[in-house]
C-alpha atoms as a PDB file:
ATOM      1  CA  UNK A   1       0.000   0.000   0.000  1.00  0.00           C
ATOM      2  CA  UNK A   2       1.279   3.459  -0.904  1.00  0.00           C
ATOM      3  CA  UNK A   3       1.989   6.096   1.729  1.00  0.00           C
ATOM      4  CA  UNK A   4       1.496   9.857   1.456  1.00  0.00           C
ATOM      5  CA  UNK A   5       5.193  10.382   0.751  1.00  0.00           C
ATOM      6  CA  UNK A   6       4.921   8.013  -2.254  1.00  0.00           C
ATOM      7  CA  UNK A   7       2.183  10.048  -3.948  1.00  0.00           C
ATOM      8  CA  UNK A   8       2.938  12.295  -6.917  1.00  0.00           C
ATOM      9  CA  UNK A   9       0.579  14.879  -5.425  1.00  0.00           C
ATOM     10  CA  UNK A  10       3.045  15.539  -2.605  1.00  0.00           C
ATOM     11  CA  UNK A  11       6.220  15.455  -4.655  1.00  0.00           C
ATOM     12  CA  UNK A  12       8.745  17.894  -3.199  1.00  0.00           C
ATOM     13  CA  UNK A  13       7.275  17.879   0.311  1.00  0.00           C
ATOM     14  CA  UNK A  14       9.819  17.692   3.133  1.00  0.00           C
ATOM     15  CA  UNK A  15       9.688  15.343   6.122  1.00  0.00           C
ATOM     16  CA  UNK A  16       8.525  18.275   8.215  1.00  0.00           C
ATOM     17  CA  UNK A  17       5.726  18.959   5.723  1.00  0.00           C
ATOM     18  CA  UNK A  18       4.554  15.349   5.965  1.00  0.00           C
ATOM     19  CA  UNK A  19       4.506  15.533   9.754  1.00  0.00           C
ATOM     20  CA  UNK A  20       2.241  18.546   9.411  1.00  0.00           C
ATOM     21  CA  UNK A  21      -0.210  17.129   6.860  1.00  0.00           C
ATOM     22  CA  UNK A  22      -0.485  13.476   7.980  1.00  0.00           C
ATOM     23  CA  UNK A  23      -2.917  14.191  10.871  1.00  0.00           C
ATOM     24  CA  UNK A  24      -5.415  15.597   8.360  1.00  0.00           C
ATOM     25  CA  UNK A  25      -5.683  12.296   6.464  1.00  0.00           C
ATOM     26  CA  UNK A  26      -7.417   9.050   7.382  1.00  0.00           C
ATOM     27  CA  UNK A  27      -7.355   5.613   5.787  1.00  0.00           C
ATOM     28  CA  UNK A  28     -10.525   3.735   4.883  1.00  0.00           C
ATOM     29  CA  UNK A  29     -10.819   0.290   3.305  1.00  0.00           C
ATOM     30  CA  UNK A  30     -13.569  -0.703   0.896  1.00  0.00           C
ATOM     31  CA  UNK A  31     -14.558  -4.152  -0.267  1.00  0.00           C
ATOM     32  CA  UNK A  32     -14.909  -5.071  -3.939  1.00  0.00           C
ATOM     33  CA  UNK A  33     -18.019  -3.425  -5.478  1.00  0.00           C
ATOM     34  CA  UNK A  34     -18.558  -1.238  -2.396  1.00  0.00           C
ATOM     35  CA  UNK A  35     -19.729   2.330  -3.044  1.00  0.00           C
ATOM     36  CA  UNK A  36     -17.335   5.053  -1.941  1.00  0.00           C
ATOM     37  CA  UNK A  37     -19.721   7.852  -2.848  1.00  0.00           C
ATOM     38  CA  UNK A  38     -22.681   8.318  -5.184  1.00  0.00           C
ATOM     39  CA  UNK A  39     -23.528  10.871  -7.845  1.00  0.00           C
ATOM     40  CA  UNK A  40     -25.326  13.837  -6.280  1.00  0.00           C
ATOM     41  CA  UNK A  41     -23.908  13.201  -2.813  1.00  0.00           C
ATOM     42  CA  UNK A  42     -22.503  16.084  -0.743  1.00  0.00           C
ATOM     43  CA  UNK A  43     -18.735  16.354  -1.440  1.00  0.00           C
ATOM     44  CA  UNK A  44     -17.357  15.707   2.014  1.00  0.00           C
ATOM     45  CA  UNK A  45     -14.101  13.949   1.091  1.00  0.00           C
ATOM     46  CA  UNK A  46     -11.170  14.320  -1.288  1.00  0.00           C
ATOM     47  CA  UNK A  47      -9.842  10.827  -1.908  1.00  0.00           C
ATOM     48  CA  UNK A  48      -6.608   9.206  -3.095  1.00  0.00           C
ATOM     49  CA  UNK A  49      -6.301   5.515  -4.001  1.00  0.00           C
ATOM     50  CA  UNK A  50      -3.379   3.985  -2.087  1.00  0.00           C
ATOM     51  CA  UNK A  51      -4.130   0.356  -2.956  1.00  0.00           C
ATOM     52  CA  UNK A  52      -6.535  -1.359  -5.374  1.00  0.00           C
ATOM     53  CA  UNK A  53      -8.533   0.546  -7.975  1.00  0.00           C
ATOM     54  CA  UNK A  54     -11.727   2.592  -8.258  1.00  0.00           C
ATOM     55  CA  UNK A  55     -14.100   3.138 -11.168  1.00  0.00           C
ATOM     56  CA  UNK A  56     -15.940   6.412 -11.711  1.00  0.00           C
ATOM     57  CA  UNK A  57     -19.354   5.721 -13.203  1.00  0.00           C
ATOM     58  CA  UNK A  58     -22.586   7.303 -14.381  1.00  0.00           C
ATOM     59  CA  UNK A  59     -25.853   5.693 -15.469  1.00  0.00           C
ATOM     60  CA  UNK A  60     -27.450   6.324 -18.841  1.00  0.00           C
ATOM     61  CA  UNK A  61     -31.134   7.170 -19.187  1.00  0.00           C
ATOM     62  CA  UNK A  62     -31.895   3.475 -19.740  1.00  0.00           C
ATOM     63  CA  UNK A  63     -30.058   2.504 -16.545  1.00  0.00           C
ATOM     64  CA  UNK A  64     -26.841   1.210 -18.125  1.00  0.00           C
ATOM     65  CA  UNK A  65     -23.633   1.810 -16.209  1.00  0.00           C
ATOM     66  CA  UNK A  66     -20.904   3.759 -18.024  1.00  0.00           C
ATOM     67  CA  UNK A  67     -17.352   3.754 -16.646  1.00  0.00           C
ATOM     68  CA  UNK A  68     -15.883   7.224 -17.067  1.00  0.00           C
ATOM     69  CA  UNK A  69     -12.465   6.535 -15.591  1.00  0.00           C
ATOM     70  CA  UNK A  70     -10.485   3.931 -13.675  1.00  0.00           C
ATOM     71  CA  UNK A  71      -8.358   5.322 -10.843  1.00  0.00           C
ATOM     72  CA  UNK A  72      -5.354   3.259  -9.840  1.00  0.00           C
ATOM     73  CA  UNK A  73      -3.019   3.481  -6.843  1.00  0.00           C
ATOM     74  CA  UNK A  74      -1.684   7.008  -6.509  1.00  0.00           C
ATOM     75  CA  UNK A  75      -4.643   8.599  -8.284  1.00  0.00           C
ATOM     76  CA  UNK A  76      -6.882  11.244  -6.658  1.00  0.00           C
ATOM     77  CA  UNK A  77     -10.626  11.597  -7.225  1.00  0.00           C
ATOM     78  CA  UNK A  78     -13.537  13.692  -6.020  1.00  0.00           C
ATOM     79  CA  UNK A  79     -11.394  16.813  -6.080  1.00  0.00           C
ATOM     80  CA  UNK A  80     -13.357  19.065  -8.407  1.00  0.00           C
ATOM     81  CA  UNK A  81     -16.589  18.652  -6.477  1.00  0.00           C
ATOM     82  CA  UNK A  82     -14.811  19.142  -3.141  1.00  0.00           C
ATOM     83  CA  UNK A  83     -13.024  22.297  -4.304  1.00  0.00           C
ATOM     84  CA  UNK A  84     -16.106  23.827  -5.934  1.00  0.00           C
ATOM     85  CA  UNK A  85     -18.563  22.676  -3.283  1.00  0.00           C
ATOM     86  CA  UNK A  86     -21.030  21.084  -5.713  1.00  0.00           C
ATOM     87  CA  UNK A  87     -22.352  17.486  -5.498  1.00  0.00           C
ATOM     88  CA  UNK A  88     -20.178  14.628  -6.718  1.00  0.00           C
ATOM     89  CA  UNK A  89     -20.814  14.385 -10.502  1.00  0.00           C
ATOM     90  CA  UNK A  90     -20.329  10.596 -10.668  1.00  0.00           C
ATOM     91  CA  UNK A  91     -20.315   7.424  -8.578  1.00  0.00           C
ATOM     92  CA  UNK A  92     -17.093   5.999  -7.154  1.00  0.00           C
ATOM     93  CA  UNK A  93     -17.001   2.200  -6.740  1.00  0.00           C
ATOM     94  CA  UNK A  94     -14.197  -0.085  -5.542  1.00  0.00           C
ATOM     95  CA  UNK A  95     -13.307  -2.548  -8.326  1.00  0.00           C
ATOM     96  CA  UNK A  96     -11.457  -4.769  -5.855  1.00  0.00           C
ATOM     97  CA  UNK A  97     -10.567  -4.552  -2.179  1.00  0.00           C
ATOM     98  CA  UNK A  98      -9.280  -0.985  -2.064  1.00  0.00           C
ATOM     99  CA  UNK A  99      -7.526   1.369   0.353  1.00  0.00           C
ATOM    100  CA  UNK A 100      -8.451   5.049   0.235  1.00  0.00           C
ATOM    101  CA  UNK A 101      -6.546   7.881   1.887  1.00  0.00           C
ATOM    102  CA  UNK A 102      -8.979  10.749   2.371  1.00  0.00           C
ATOM    103  CA  UNK A 103      -9.160  14.265   3.758  1.00  0.00           C
ATOM    104  CA  UNK A 104     -12.294  16.224   4.600  1.00  0.00           C
ATOM    105  CA  UNK A 105     -13.268  19.246   2.532  1.00  0.00           C
ATOM    106  CA  UNK A 106     -12.642  21.599   5.461  1.00  0.00           C
ATOM    107  CA  UNK A 107      -9.150  20.217   6.063  1.00  0.00           C
ATOM    108  CA  UNK A 108      -8.310  20.148   2.360  1.00  0.00           C
ATOM    109  CA  UNK A 109      -9.064  23.868   2.114  1.00  0.00           C
ATOM    110  CA  UNK A 110      -6.783  24.438   5.113  1.00  0.00           C
ATOM    111  CA  UNK A 111      -3.992  22.484   3.422  1.00  0.00           C
ATOM    112  CA  UNK A 112      -4.403  24.410   0.173  1.00  0.00           C
ATOM    113  CA  UNK A 113      -4.131  27.654   2.105  1.00  0.00           C
ATOM    114  CA  UNK A 114      -0.986  26.386   3.850  1.00  0.00           C
ATOM    115  CA  UNK A 115       0.536  24.757   0.726  1.00  0.00           C
ATOM    116  CA  UNK A 116      -0.735  26.740  -2.310  1.00  0.00           C
ATOM    117  CA  UNK A 117       1.465  24.700  -4.682  1.00  0.00           C
ATOM    118  CA  UNK A 118      -0.979  21.829  -4.135  1.00  0.00           C
ATOM    119  CA  UNK A 119      -3.696  23.747  -5.958  1.00  0.00           C
ATOM    120  CA  UNK A 120      -1.824  23.986  -9.256  1.00  0.00           C
ATOM    121  CA  UNK A 121      -0.880  20.313  -9.162  1.00  0.00           C
ATOM    122  CA  UNK A 122      -4.437  19.238  -8.332  1.00  0.00           C
ATOM    123  CA  UNK A 123      -5.771  21.487 -11.064  1.00  0.00           C
ATOM    124  CA  UNK A 124      -3.553  19.849 -13.688  1.00  0.00           C
ATOM    125  CA  UNK A 125      -4.522  16.299 -12.666  1.00  0.00           C
ATOM    126  CA  UNK A 126      -8.231  16.959 -12.329  1.00  0.00           C
ATOM    127  CA  UNK A 127      -8.364  19.072 -15.491  1.00  0.00           C
ATOM    128  CA  UNK A 128      -6.967  16.146 -17.482  1.00  0.00           C
ATOM    129  CA  UNK A 129      -9.520  13.864 -15.819  1.00  0.00           C
ATOM    130  CA  UNK A 130     -12.370  16.108 -16.968  1.00  0.00           C
ATOM    131  CA  UNK A 131     -10.955  16.220 -20.504  1.00  0.00           C
ATOM    132  CA  UNK A 132     -10.723  12.417 -20.632  1.00  0.00           C
ATOM    133  CA  UNK A 133     -14.317  12.005 -19.429  1.00  0.00           C
ATOM    134  CA  UNK A 134     -15.577  14.537 -21.971  1.00  0.00           C
ATOM    135  CA  UNK A 135     -13.737  12.781 -24.797  1.00  0.00           C
ATOM    136  CA  UNK A 136     -15.100   9.425 -23.730  1.00  0.00           C
ATOM    137  CA  UNK A 137     -18.698  10.682 -23.723  1.00  0.00           C
ATOM    138  CA  UNK A 138     -18.154  12.281 -27.146  1.00  0.00           C
ATOM    139  CA  UNK A 139     -16.728   9.031 -28.506  1.00  0.00           C
ATOM    140  CA  UNK A 140     -19.729   7.073 -27.231  1.00  0.00           C
ATOM    141  CA  UNK A 141     -22.021   9.404 -29.134  1.00  0.00           C
ATOM    142  CA  UNK A 142     -20.048   9.626 -32.380  1.00  0.00           C
ATOM    143  CA  UNK A 143     -17.682   6.686 -32.886  1.00  0.00           C
ATOM    144  CA  UNK A 144     -18.227   3.056 -33.919  1.00  0.00           C
ATOM    145  CA  UNK A 145     -17.737   0.422 -31.218  1.00  0.00           C
ATOM    146  CA  UNK A 146     -14.536  -0.933 -32.783  1.00  0.00           C
ATOM    147  CA  UNK A 147     -13.074   2.569 -32.782  1.00  0.00           C
ATOM    148  CA  UNK A 148     -14.137   3.176 -29.176  1.00  0.00           C
ATOM    149  CA  UNK A 149     -12.621  -0.069 -27.894  1.00  0.00           C
ATOM    150  CA  UNK A 150      -9.387   0.475 -29.828  1.00  0.00           C
ATOM    151  CA  UNK A 151      -9.133   4.022 -28.431  1.00  0.00           C
ATOM    152  CA  UNK A 152      -9.762   2.733 -24.917  1.00  0.00           C
ATOM    153  CA  UNK A 153      -7.043   0.080 -25.186  1.00  0.00           C
ATOM    154  CA  UNK A 154      -4.574   2.649 -26.494  1.00  0.00           C
ATOM    155  CA  UNK A 155      -5.414   5.083 -23.701  1.00  0.00           C
ATOM    156  CA  UNK A 156      -5.000   2.379 -21.053  1.00  0.00           C
ATOM    157  CA  UNK A 157      -1.731   1.321 -22.665  1.00  0.00           C
ATOM    158  CA  UNK A 158      -0.418   4.880 -22.488  1.00  0.00           C
ATOM    159  CA  UNK A 159      -1.247   4.989 -18.787  1.00  0.00           C
ATOM    160  CA  UNK A 160      -0.334   1.530 -17.540  1.00  0.00           C
ATOM    161  CA  UNK A 161       1.464  -0.580 -20.174  1.00  0.00           C
ATOM    162  CA  UNK A 162       4.681  -2.424 -19.362  1.00  0.00           C
ATOM    163  CA  UNK A 163       6.891  -4.339 -21.842  1.00  0.00           C
ATOM    164  CA  UNK A 164       6.049  -8.048 -21.967  1.00  0.00           C
ATOM    165  CA  UNK A 165       8.719 -10.764 -21.992  1.00  0.00           C
ATOM    166  CA  UNK A 166       7.641 -12.311 -25.306  1.00  0.00           C
ATOM    167  CA  UNK A 167       7.015  -8.931 -26.938  1.00  0.00           C
ATOM    168  CA  UNK A 168       4.192  -6.433 -26.997  1.00  0.00           C
ATOM    169  CA  UNK A 169       2.792  -4.115 -24.327  1.00  0.00           C
ATOM    170  CA  UNK A 170       0.867  -5.495 -21.366  1.00  0.00           C
ATOM    171  CA  UNK A 171      -1.952  -3.301 -20.037  1.00  0.00           C
ATOM    172  CA  UNK A 172      -1.140  -3.644 -16.362  1.00  0.00           C
ATOM    173  CA  UNK A 173      -4.697  -3.675 -15.082  1.00  0.00           C
ATOM    174  CA  UNK A 174      -7.218  -6.529 -15.021  1.00  0.00           C
ATOM    175  CA  UNK A 175     -10.401  -5.697 -16.908  1.00  0.00           C
ATOM    176  CA  UNK A 176     -13.366  -7.933 -17.608  1.00  0.00           C
ATOM    177  CA  UNK A 177     -15.196  -7.796 -20.922  1.00  0.00           C
ATOM    178  CA  UNK A 178     -18.028  -6.199 -18.934  1.00  0.00           C
ATOM    179  CA  UNK A 179     -15.680  -3.463 -17.712  1.00  0.00           C
ATOM    180  CA  UNK A 180     -14.626  -2.743 -21.288  1.00  0.00           C
ATOM    181  CA  UNK A 181     -18.259  -2.671 -22.424  1.00  0.00           C
ATOM    182  CA  UNK A 182     -19.154  -0.256 -19.632  1.00  0.00           C
ATOM    183  CA  UNK A 183     -16.249   2.026 -20.502  1.00  0.00           C
ATOM    184  CA  UNK A 184     -17.284   2.420 -24.134  1.00  0.00           C
ATOM    185  CA  UNK A 185     -21.062   2.295 -23.738  1.00  0.00           C
ATOM    186  CA  UNK A 186     -21.878  -1.003 -25.433  1.00  0.00           C
ATOM    187  CA  UNK A 187     -23.081  -4.500 -24.526  1.00  0.00           C
ATOM    188  CA  UNK A 188     -20.799  -7.187 -23.141  1.00  0.00           C
ATOM    189  CA  UNK A 189     -21.642  -9.354 -26.173  1.00  0.00           C
ATOM    190  CA  UNK A 190     -20.383  -6.638 -28.523  1.00  0.00           C
ATOM    191  CA  UNK A 191     -17.307  -6.177 -26.373  1.00  0.00           C
ATOM    192  CA  UNK A 192     -16.542  -9.913 -26.574  1.00  0.00           C
ATOM    193  CA  UNK A 193     -17.043  -9.974 -30.367  1.00  0.00           C
ATOM    194  CA  UNK A 194     -14.805  -6.946 -30.908  1.00  0.00           C
ATOM    195  CA  UNK A 195     -12.024  -8.175 -28.626  1.00  0.00           C
ATOM    196  CA  UNK A 196     -12.180 -11.589 -30.348  1.00  0.00           C
ATOM    197  CA  UNK A 197     -11.881  -9.875 -33.738  1.00  0.00           C
ATOM    198  CA  UNK A 198      -8.847  -7.881 -32.583  1.00  0.00           C
ATOM    199  CA  UNK A 199      -7.318 -11.116 -31.295  1.00  0.00           C
ATOM    200  CA  UNK A 200      -7.904 -12.969 -34.597  1.00  0.00           C
ATOM    201  CA  UNK A 201      -6.264 -10.092 -36.461  1.00  0.00           C
ATOM    202  CA  UNK A 202      -3.193 -10.304 -34.236  1.00  0.00           C
ATOM    203  CA  UNK A 203      -3.699  -6.914 -32.633  1.00  0.00           C
ATOM    204  CA  UNK A 204      -4.075  -8.178 -29.060  1.00  0.00           C
ATOM    205  CA  UNK A 205      -3.804 -11.329 -26.962  1.00  0.00           C
ATOM    206  CA  UNK A 206      -4.418 -12.437 -23.393  1.00  0.00           C
ATOM    207  CA  UNK A 207      -1.587 -12.716 -20.858  1.00  0.00           C
ATOM    208  CA  UNK A 208      -1.787 -13.149 -17.093  1.00  0.00           C
ATOM    209  CA  UNK A 209      -5.492 -12.319 -17.243  1.00  0.00           C
ATOM    210  CA  UNK A 210      -4.715  -8.947 -18.846  1.00  0.00           C
ATOM    211  CA  UNK A 211      -4.758  -7.494 -22.365  1.00  0.00           C
ATOM    212  CA  UNK A 212      -1.503  -7.755 -24.311  1.00  0.00           C
ATOM    213  CA  UNK A 213      -1.170  -5.303 -27.215  1.00  0.00           C
ATOM    214  CA  UNK A 214       0.750  -6.894 -30.075  1.00  0.00           C
ATOM    215  CA  UNK A 215       0.132  -4.367 -32.849  1.00  0.00           C
ATOM    216  CA  UNK A 216      -0.267  -0.810 -31.591  1.00  0.00           C
ATOM    217  CA  UNK A 217      -0.335   0.666 -35.103  1.00  0.00           C
ATOM    218  CA  UNK A 218      -3.105  -1.726 -36.060  1.00  0.00           C
ATOM    219  CA  UNK A 219      -5.211  -0.513 -33.133  1.00  0.00           C
ATOM    220  CA  UNK A 220      -4.451   3.081 -34.072  1.00  0.00           C
ATOM    221  CA  UNK A 221      -5.920   2.415 -37.518  1.00  0.00           C
ATOM    222  CA  UNK A 222      -9.196   1.331 -35.887  1.00  0.00           C
ATOM    223  CA  UNK A 223      -9.116   4.300 -33.503  1.00  0.00           C
ATOM    224  CA  UNK A 224      -8.528   6.853 -36.257  1.00  0.00           C
END
């Protein structure tokens, strides 16, 4: 499990700084599929994943879950709502047993006043998060499923991929076909068919229960 000093958010903080900020934070553990907060809820907590992973979701008008983002260890979430004081714009759900380091809205504002450099760093991270969510929703509305899934795999590869022993890039996060379907706004059956097609064409494979990208340029052709 990561500690505060391991987080990119606090890069450059001294030991004395950590002694000052640590009392403001608390650790909470969530079981797989447990809700951390719901869309529309009062923004009481700014959260950072220190172990496990969290999905940010919304529900379509027909009740289908859409995954907007997956937050891995080291990633913050809930920040925009906490800073602006408006309700959480999405649901946060633990995808596996997950550890969350969190700070209350009142204490976060105190920390930002004491350490103003935190604000610019948070703004950069959360601004990119909003851009990614906007692009994903636009893709759902405008792009074909094959294009959406290819774009998703490329985005995940850019964030998490590690070189694989036998060649290719391993997306270092376990995703079910249902997760992929929920992230691109399609059915699990369509997700399975598309991933099988990519596999037959030699674009991807399975390794260690994860997606192995064999032909990045081939996926980019689908995503274009």
